[in-house]
């Protein structure tokens, strides 16, 4: 049953990500994220979007970023200030295949 759940979850997740990539309001969502954050967070979001990442879910403390090509996911803190080492680590994880 666990393998069925994993396969079903994977299919649903892939469907959601493919819909988000083609959604016309995707850029509006990214722009809204950029308006309410610090400069380092803005730069991190811009770089993640430029390498092809999609923001899948927005939580209270973290946003979930997904890369459809590598199928990797990473959480991005929603704090006003993000540690520079953490930002570099997130970019390294999301850019490596």
C-alpha atoms as a PDB file:
ATOM      1  CA  UNK A   1       0.000   0.000   0.000  1.00  0.00           C
ATOM      2  CA  UNK A   2       2.891   2.337   0.719  1.00  0.00           C
ATOM      3  CA  UNK A   3       4.262   1.944  -2.817  1.00  0.00           C
ATOM      4  CA  UNK A   4       0.809   2.690  -4.252  1.00  0.00           C
ATOM      5  CA  UNK A   5       0.658   5.842  -2.138  1.00  0.00           C
ATOM      6  CA  UNK A   6       4.129   6.943  -3.280  1.00  0.00           C
ATOM      7  CA  UNK A   7       3.286   6.358  -6.950  1.00  0.00           C
ATOM      8  CA  UNK A   8      -0.046   8.179  -6.654  1.00  0.00           C
ATOM      9  CA  UNK A   9       1.554  11.063  -4.756  1.00  0.00           C
ATOM     10  CA  UNK A  10       4.296  11.302  -7.385  1.00  0.00           C
ATOM     11  CA  UNK A  11       1.747  11.451 -10.218  1.00  0.00           C
ATOM     12  CA  UNK A  12      -0.311  14.096  -8.414  1.00  0.00           C
ATOM     13  CA  UNK A  13       2.791  16.130  -7.624  1.00  0.00           C
ATOM     14  CA  UNK A  14       3.942  15.957 -11.266  1.00  0.00           C
ATOM     15  CA  UNK A  15       0.489  17.052 -12.456  1.00  0.00           C
ATOM     16  CA  UNK A  16       0.430  19.997 -10.047  1.00  0.00           C
ATOM     17  CA  UNK A  17       3.925  21.107 -11.055  1.00  0.00           C
ATOM     18  CA  UNK A  18       3.151  20.871 -14.773  1.00  0.00           C
ATOM     19  CA  UNK A  19       0.013  22.967 -14.247  1.00  0.00           C
ATOM     20  CA  UNK A  20       1.951  25.564 -12.278  1.00  0.00           C
ATOM     21  CA  UNK A  21       4.611  25.839 -14.972  1.00  0.00           C
ATOM     22  CA  UNK A  22       1.999  26.693 -17.584  1.00  0.00           C
ATOM     23  CA  UNK A  23      -0.244  28.840 -15.389  1.00  0.00           C
ATOM     24  CA  UNK A  24      -0.602  32.397 -16.716  1.00  0.00           C
ATOM     25  CA  UNK A  25      -0.547  33.870 -13.220  1.00  0.00           C
ATOM     26  CA  UNK A  26       2.748  32.155 -12.305  1.00  0.00           C
ATOM     27  CA  UNK A  27       4.765  35.338 -12.874  1.00  0.00           C
ATOM     28  CA  UNK A  28       2.226  37.349 -10.877  1.00  0.00           C
ATOM     29  CA  UNK A  29       2.781  34.985  -7.946  1.00  0.00           C
ATOM     30  CA  UNK A  30       6.559  35.375  -8.195  1.00  0.00           C
ATOM     31  CA  UNK A  31       6.253  39.166  -8.388  1.00  0.00           C
ATOM     32  CA  UNK A  32       4.003  39.169  -5.307  1.00  0.00           C
ATOM     33  CA  UNK A  33       6.637  37.099  -3.475  1.00  0.00           C
ATOM     34  CA  UNK A  34       9.318  39.598  -4.431  1.00  0.00           C
ATOM     35  CA  UNK A  35       7.350  42.616  -3.232  1.00  0.00           C
ATOM     36  CA  UNK A  36       7.217  41.459   0.375  1.00  0.00           C
ATOM     37  CA  UNK A  37      10.784  40.259   0.956  1.00  0.00           C
ATOM     38  CA  UNK A  38      14.350  41.408   1.584  1.00  0.00           C
ATOM     39  CA  UNK A  39      16.964  41.963  -1.124  1.00  0.00           C
ATOM     40  CA  UNK A  40      18.808  38.671  -0.500  1.00  0.00           C
ATOM     41  CA  UNK A  41      15.550  36.731  -0.620  1.00  0.00           C
ATOM     42  CA  UNK A  42      14.547  38.568  -3.808  1.00  0.00           C
ATOM     43  CA  UNK A  43      17.850  37.651  -5.428  1.00  0.00           C
ATOM     44  CA  UNK A  44      17.468  34.032  -4.315  1.00  0.00           C
ATOM     45  CA  UNK A  45      13.948  33.804  -5.772  1.00  0.00           C
ATOM     46  CA  UNK A  46      15.063  35.429  -9.029  1.00  0.00           C
ATOM     47  CA  UNK A  47      17.948  32.982  -9.390  1.00  0.00           C
ATOM     48  CA  UNK A  48      15.759  29.979  -8.595  1.00  0.00           C
ATOM     49  CA  UNK A  49      13.174  31.044 -11.194  1.00  0.00           C
ATOM     50  CA  UNK A  50      15.916  31.723 -13.761  1.00  0.00           C
ATOM     51  CA  UNK A  51      17.243  28.151 -13.456  1.00  0.00           C
ATOM     52  CA  UNK A  52      13.744  26.781 -14.029  1.00  0.00           C
ATOM     53  CA  UNK A  53      12.418  26.221 -10.519  1.00  0.00           C
ATOM     54  CA  UNK A  54       8.732  26.590  -9.663  1.00  0.00           C
ATOM     55  CA  UNK A  55       7.231  27.553  -6.315  1.00  0.00           C
ATOM     56  CA  UNK A  56       4.783  24.776  -5.538  1.00  0.00           C
ATOM     57  CA  UNK A  57       3.494  25.626  -2.079  1.00  0.00           C
ATOM     58  CA  UNK A  58       3.567  28.679   0.145  1.00  0.00           C
ATOM     59  CA  UNK A  59       3.523  27.982   3.862  1.00  0.00           C
ATOM     60  CA  UNK A  60       3.705  30.126   6.951  1.00  0.00           C
ATOM     61  CA  UNK A  61       7.434  29.790   7.495  1.00  0.00           C
ATOM     62  CA  UNK A  62       8.711  28.278   4.226  1.00  0.00           C
ATOM     63  CA  UNK A  63       7.932  28.168   0.519  1.00  0.00           C
ATOM     64  CA  UNK A  64       8.534  24.918  -1.372  1.00  0.00           C
ATOM     65  CA  UNK A  65      10.494  25.223  -4.575  1.00  0.00           C
ATOM     66  CA  UNK A  66      10.503  22.413  -7.152  1.00  0.00           C
ATOM     67  CA  UNK A  67      12.749  21.837 -10.159  1.00  0.00           C
ATOM     68  CA  UNK A  68      10.771  19.911 -12.815  1.00  0.00           C
ATOM     69  CA  UNK A  69      13.905  18.837 -14.722  1.00  0.00           C
ATOM     70  CA  UNK A  70      15.731  17.227 -11.796  1.00  0.00           C
ATOM     71  CA  UNK A  71      12.536  16.540  -9.795  1.00  0.00           C
ATOM     72  CA  UNK A  72      14.222  17.964  -6.706  1.00  0.00           C
ATOM     73  CA  UNK A  73      12.456  20.043  -4.077  1.00  0.00           C
ATOM     74  CA  UNK A  74      13.811  22.416  -1.486  1.00  0.00           C
ATOM     75  CA  UNK A  75      12.222  24.691   1.068  1.00  0.00           C
ATOM     76  CA  UNK A  76      13.010  28.402   1.069  1.00  0.00           C
ATOM     77  CA  UNK A  77      12.566  30.285   4.347  1.00  0.00           C
ATOM     78  CA  UNK A  78      10.129  33.199   4.389  1.00  0.00           C
ATOM     79  CA  UNK A  79      12.137  35.163   6.948  1.00  0.00           C
ATOM     80  CA  UNK A  80      12.921  38.816   6.352  1.00  0.00           C
ATOM     81  CA  UNK A  81      16.650  38.049   6.352  1.00  0.00           C
ATOM     82  CA  UNK A  82      18.152  34.837   5.000  1.00  0.00           C
ATOM     83  CA  UNK A  83      21.668  33.747   5.866  1.00  0.00           C
ATOM     84  CA  UNK A  84      23.935  34.082   2.823  1.00  0.00           C
ATOM     85  CA  UNK A  85      25.388  30.588   3.346  1.00  0.00           C
ATOM     86  CA  UNK A  86      21.874  29.129   3.394  1.00  0.00           C
ATOM     87  CA  UNK A  87      20.994  30.921   0.145  1.00  0.00           C
ATOM     88  CA  UNK A  88      24.146  29.564  -1.537  1.00  0.00           C
ATOM     89  CA  UNK A  89      23.350  26.059  -0.290  1.00  0.00           C
ATOM     90  CA  UNK A  90      19.784  26.197  -1.639  1.00  0.00           C
ATOM     91  CA  UNK A  91      21.062  27.359  -5.026  1.00  0.00           C
ATOM     92  CA  UNK A  92      23.687  24.621  -5.088  1.00  0.00           C
ATOM     93  CA  UNK A  93      21.139  21.911  -4.279  1.00  0.00           C
ATOM     94  CA  UNK A  94      18.638  23.149  -6.856  1.00  0.00           C
ATOM     95  CA  UNK A  95      21.141  23.733  -9.660  1.00  0.00           C
ATOM     96  CA  UNK A  96      22.999  20.403  -9.402  1.00  0.00           C
ATOM     97  CA  UNK A  97      21.475  17.556 -11.444  1.00  0.00           C
END
